[in-house]
Amino acid sequence: MAEILDFKRTPEPLWREALGRKLRETREERGDRLVDVAERAGISVQYLSEIERGRKEPSSEMIAAVTGALGVDLADLLIGIAGQVRHHHPARSHFHTSRPTGRPSGPVLMAA
């Protein structure tokens, strides 16, 4: 019998929420104040606060400005966020394969 996955138990985190949590965590680990990072990024303190709280969906340029102001590598930040999302939904890990097989892994939709 096929395994049925119940994804309704815990809602999947929104990208903007995961990004905001990671940005805030990074800023706090570095000991930076919100006002200082916002100034270096060239954005308002209110806007940075809204990004960190997951209320705003920042553009790629805005994300680059904030990561630059934090002095962190964008790719490292994104890998950290992906790890948090994956950890949040371990049941989905079976859809991913780390070795290329030449076949798609996970659900596949084909058009006729």
C-alpha atoms as a PDB file:
ATOM      1  CA  MET A   1       0.000   0.000   0.000  1.00  0.00           C
ATOM      2  CA  ALA A   2       1.332   3.475  -0.843  1.00  0.00           C
ATOM      3  CA  GLU A   3       2.430   5.708   1.999  1.00  0.00           C
ATOM      4  CA  ILE A   4       0.159   8.684   2.539  1.00  0.00           C
ATOM      5  CA  LEU A   5       1.865  11.808   3.800  1.00  0.00           C
ATOM      6  CA  ASP A   6      -0.121  14.214   5.938  1.00  0.00           C
ATOM      7  CA  PHE A   7       1.296  17.688   5.270  1.00  0.00           C
ATOM      8  CA  LYS A   8      -1.528  19.383   7.159  1.00  0.00           C
ATOM      9  CA  ARG A   9      -0.070  18.657  10.607  1.00  0.00           C
ATOM     10  CA  THR A  10       2.364  21.565  10.583  1.00  0.00           C
ATOM     11  CA  PRO A  11       2.152  24.348   8.027  1.00  0.00           C
ATOM     12  CA  GLU A  12       5.165  24.817   5.823  1.00  0.00           C
ATOM     13  CA  PRO A  13       7.046  28.012   6.705  1.00  0.00           C
ATOM     14  CA  LEU A  14       6.790  30.822   4.206  1.00  0.00           C
ATOM     15  CA  TRP A  15      10.035  31.761   2.450  1.00  0.00           C
ATOM     16  CA  ARG A  16       9.877  35.313   3.775  1.00  0.00           C
ATOM     17  CA  GLU A  17       9.466  34.037   7.346  1.00  0.00           C
ATOM     18  CA  ALA A  18      12.421  31.640   7.069  1.00  0.00           C
ATOM     19  CA  LEU A  19      14.525  34.402   5.485  1.00  0.00           C
ATOM     20  CA  GLY A  20      13.579  36.891   8.199  1.00  0.00           C
ATOM     21  CA  ARG A  21      14.405  34.474  11.006  1.00  0.00           C
ATOM     22  CA  LYS A  22      17.804  33.707   9.473  1.00  0.00           C
ATOM     23  CA  LEU A  23      18.627  37.388   8.921  1.00  0.00           C
ATOM     24  CA  ARG A  24      17.685  38.259  12.509  1.00  0.00           C
ATOM     25  CA  GLU A  25      19.608  35.272  13.875  1.00  0.00           C
ATOM     26  CA  THR A  26      22.675  36.285  11.856  1.00  0.00           C
ATOM     27  CA  ARG A  27      22.435  39.921  12.930  1.00  0.00           C
ATOM     28  CA  GLU A  28      22.078  39.001  16.601  1.00  0.00           C
ATOM     29  CA  GLU A  29      24.954  36.478  16.450  1.00  0.00           C
ATOM     30  CA  ARG A  30      27.174  39.240  15.092  1.00  0.00           C
ATOM     31  CA  GLY A  31      26.032  41.618  17.827  1.00  0.00           C
ATOM     32  CA  ASP A  32      24.732  44.161  15.301  1.00  0.00           C
ATOM     33  CA  ARG A  33      21.879  46.517  16.077  1.00  0.00           C
ATOM     34  CA  LEU A  34      18.916  46.772  13.726  1.00  0.00           C
ATOM     35  CA  VAL A  35      19.580  50.463  13.143  1.00  0.00           C
ATOM     36  CA  ASP A  36      23.215  49.885  12.150  1.00  0.00           C
ATOM     37  CA  VAL A  37      22.448  47.111   9.656  1.00  0.00           C
ATOM     38  CA  ALA A  38      19.584  49.132   8.146  1.00  0.00           C
ATOM     39  CA  GLU A  39      21.862  52.155   7.720  1.00  0.00           C
ATOM     40  CA  ARG A  40      24.606  50.109   6.051  1.00  0.00           C
ATOM     41  CA  ALA A  41      22.038  48.455   3.756  1.00  0.00           C
ATOM     42  CA  GLY A  42      20.495  51.805   2.840  1.00  0.00           C
ATOM     43  CA  ILE A  43      16.991  50.907   4.031  1.00  0.00           C
ATOM     44  CA  SER A  44      14.769  52.079   6.858  1.00  0.00           C
ATOM     45  CA  VAL A  45      14.871  50.437  10.261  1.00  0.00           C
ATOM     46  CA  GLN A  46      11.133  49.775   9.982  1.00  0.00           C
ATOM     47  CA  TYR A  47      11.549  47.970   6.643  1.00  0.00           C
ATOM     48  CA  LEU A  48      14.403  45.804   7.952  1.00  0.00           C
ATOM     49  CA  SER A  49      12.330  44.979  11.029  1.00  0.00           C
ATOM     50  CA  GLU A  50       9.422  43.933   8.804  1.00  0.00           C
ATOM     51  CA  ILE A  51      11.755  41.730   6.736  1.00  0.00           C
ATOM     52  CA  GLU A  52      13.086  40.084   9.894  1.00  0.00           C
ATOM     53  CA  ARG A  53       9.552  39.451  11.170  1.00  0.00           C
ATOM     54  CA  GLY A  54       8.566  37.862   7.842  1.00  0.00           C
ATOM     55  CA  ARG A  55       6.039  40.557   7.005  1.00  0.00           C
ATOM     56  CA  LYS A  56       7.721  41.803   3.832  1.00  0.00           C
ATOM     57  CA  GLU A  57       8.843  39.858   0.764  1.00  0.00           C
ATOM     58  CA  PRO A  58      12.086  41.667  -0.124  1.00  0.00           C
ATOM     59  CA  SER A  59      13.466  41.810  -3.656  1.00  0.00           C
ATOM     60  CA  SER A  60      16.686  40.036  -4.512  1.00  0.00           C
ATOM     61  CA  GLU A  61      18.435  43.418  -4.546  1.00  0.00           C
ATOM     62  CA  MET A  62      17.180  44.158  -1.035  1.00  0.00           C
ATOM     63  CA  ILE A  63      18.325  40.744   0.227  1.00  0.00           C
ATOM     64  CA  ALA A  64      21.750  41.376  -1.315  1.00  0.00           C
ATOM     65  CA  ALA A  65      21.927  44.792   0.383  1.00  0.00           C
ATOM     66  CA  VAL A  66      21.096  43.318   3.794  1.00  0.00           C
ATOM     67  CA  THR A  67      23.490  40.388   3.473  1.00  0.00           C
ATOM     68  CA  GLY A  68      26.178  42.822   2.350  1.00  0.00           C
ATOM     69  CA  ALA A  69      25.469  45.012   5.368  1.00  0.00           C
ATOM     70  CA  LEU A  70      25.777  41.934   7.583  1.00  0.00           C
ATOM     71  CA  GLY A  71      28.981  40.872   5.854  1.00  0.00           C
ATOM     72  CA  VAL A  72      27.660  37.400   5.058  1.00  0.00           C
ATOM     73  CA  ASP A  73      27.721  35.417   1.842  1.00  0.00           C
ATOM     74  CA  LEU A  74      24.301  35.229   0.171  1.00  0.00           C
ATOM     75  CA  ALA A  75      24.809  31.587  -0.853  1.00  0.00           C
ATOM     76  CA  ASP A  76      25.658  30.585   2.735  1.00  0.00           C
ATOM     77  CA  LEU A  77      22.563  32.382   3.988  1.00  0.00           C
ATOM     78  CA  LEU A  78      20.357  30.594   1.440  1.00  0.00           C
ATOM     79  CA  ILE A  79      21.854  27.205   2.324  1.00  0.00           C
ATOM     80  CA  GLY A  80      21.092  27.893   5.982  1.00  0.00           C
ATOM     81  CA  ILE A  81      17.487  28.762   5.153  1.00  0.00           C
ATOM     82  CA  ALA A  82      17.094  25.642   3.014  1.00  0.00           C
ATOM     83  CA  GLY A  83      18.382  23.565   5.915  1.00  0.00           C
ATOM     84  CA  GLN A  84      15.831  25.125   8.269  1.00  0.00           C
ATOM     85  CA  VAL A  85      12.976  24.441   5.850  1.00  0.00           C
ATOM     86  CA  ARG A  86      14.152  20.857   5.280  1.00  0.00           C
ATOM     87  CA  HIS A  87      14.462  20.305   9.031  1.00  0.00           C
ATOM     88  CA  HIS A  88      10.924  21.625   9.470  1.00  0.00           C
ATOM     89  CA  HIS A  89       9.563  18.984   7.058  1.00  0.00           C
ATOM     90  CA  PRO A  90      11.690  15.823   7.345  1.00  0.00           C
ATOM     91  CA  ALA A  91       8.933  13.770   5.657  1.00  0.00           C
ATOM     92  CA  ARG A  92       9.696  15.555   2.414  1.00  0.00           C
ATOM     93  CA  SER A  93      13.329  14.473   2.391  1.00  0.00           C
ATOM     94  CA  HIS A  94      12.420  11.331   0.448  1.00  0.00           C
ATOM     95  CA  PHE A  95      11.631  13.519  -2.582  1.00  0.00           C
ATOM     96  CA  HIS A  96      15.288  14.563  -2.837  1.00  0.00           C
ATOM     97  CA  THR A  97      18.226  12.497  -3.956  1.00  0.00           C
ATOM     98  CA  SER A  98      21.825  13.557  -3.549  1.00  0.00           C
ATOM     99  CA  ARG A  99      23.120  11.325  -6.310  1.00  0.00           C
ATOM    100  CA  PRO A 100      22.173  11.824  -9.959  1.00  0.00           C
ATOM    101  CA  THR A 101      20.271   8.837 -11.324  1.00  0.00           C
ATOM    102  CA  GLY A 102      19.169  10.208 -14.673  1.00  0.00           C
ATOM    103  CA  ARG A 103      15.582   9.924 -13.453  1.00  0.00           C
ATOM    104  CA  PRO A 104      13.564  12.577 -11.681  1.00  0.00           C
ATOM    105  CA  SER A 105      13.004  12.045  -7.993  1.00  0.00           C
ATOM    106  CA  GLY A 106       9.753  12.835  -6.244  1.00  0.00           C
ATOM    107  CA  PRO A 107       6.437  13.509  -7.915  1.00  0.00           C
ATOM    108  CA  VAL A 108       6.499  14.088 -11.656  1.00  0.00           C
ATOM    109  CA  LEU A 109       3.797  15.691 -13.781  1.00  0.00           C
ATOM    110  CA  MET A 110       3.849  14.859 -17.468  1.00  0.00           C
ATOM    111  CA  ALA A 111       1.781  16.540 -20.149  1.00  0.00           C
ATOM    112  CA  ALA A 112       0.190  14.488 -22.886  1.00  0.00           C
END
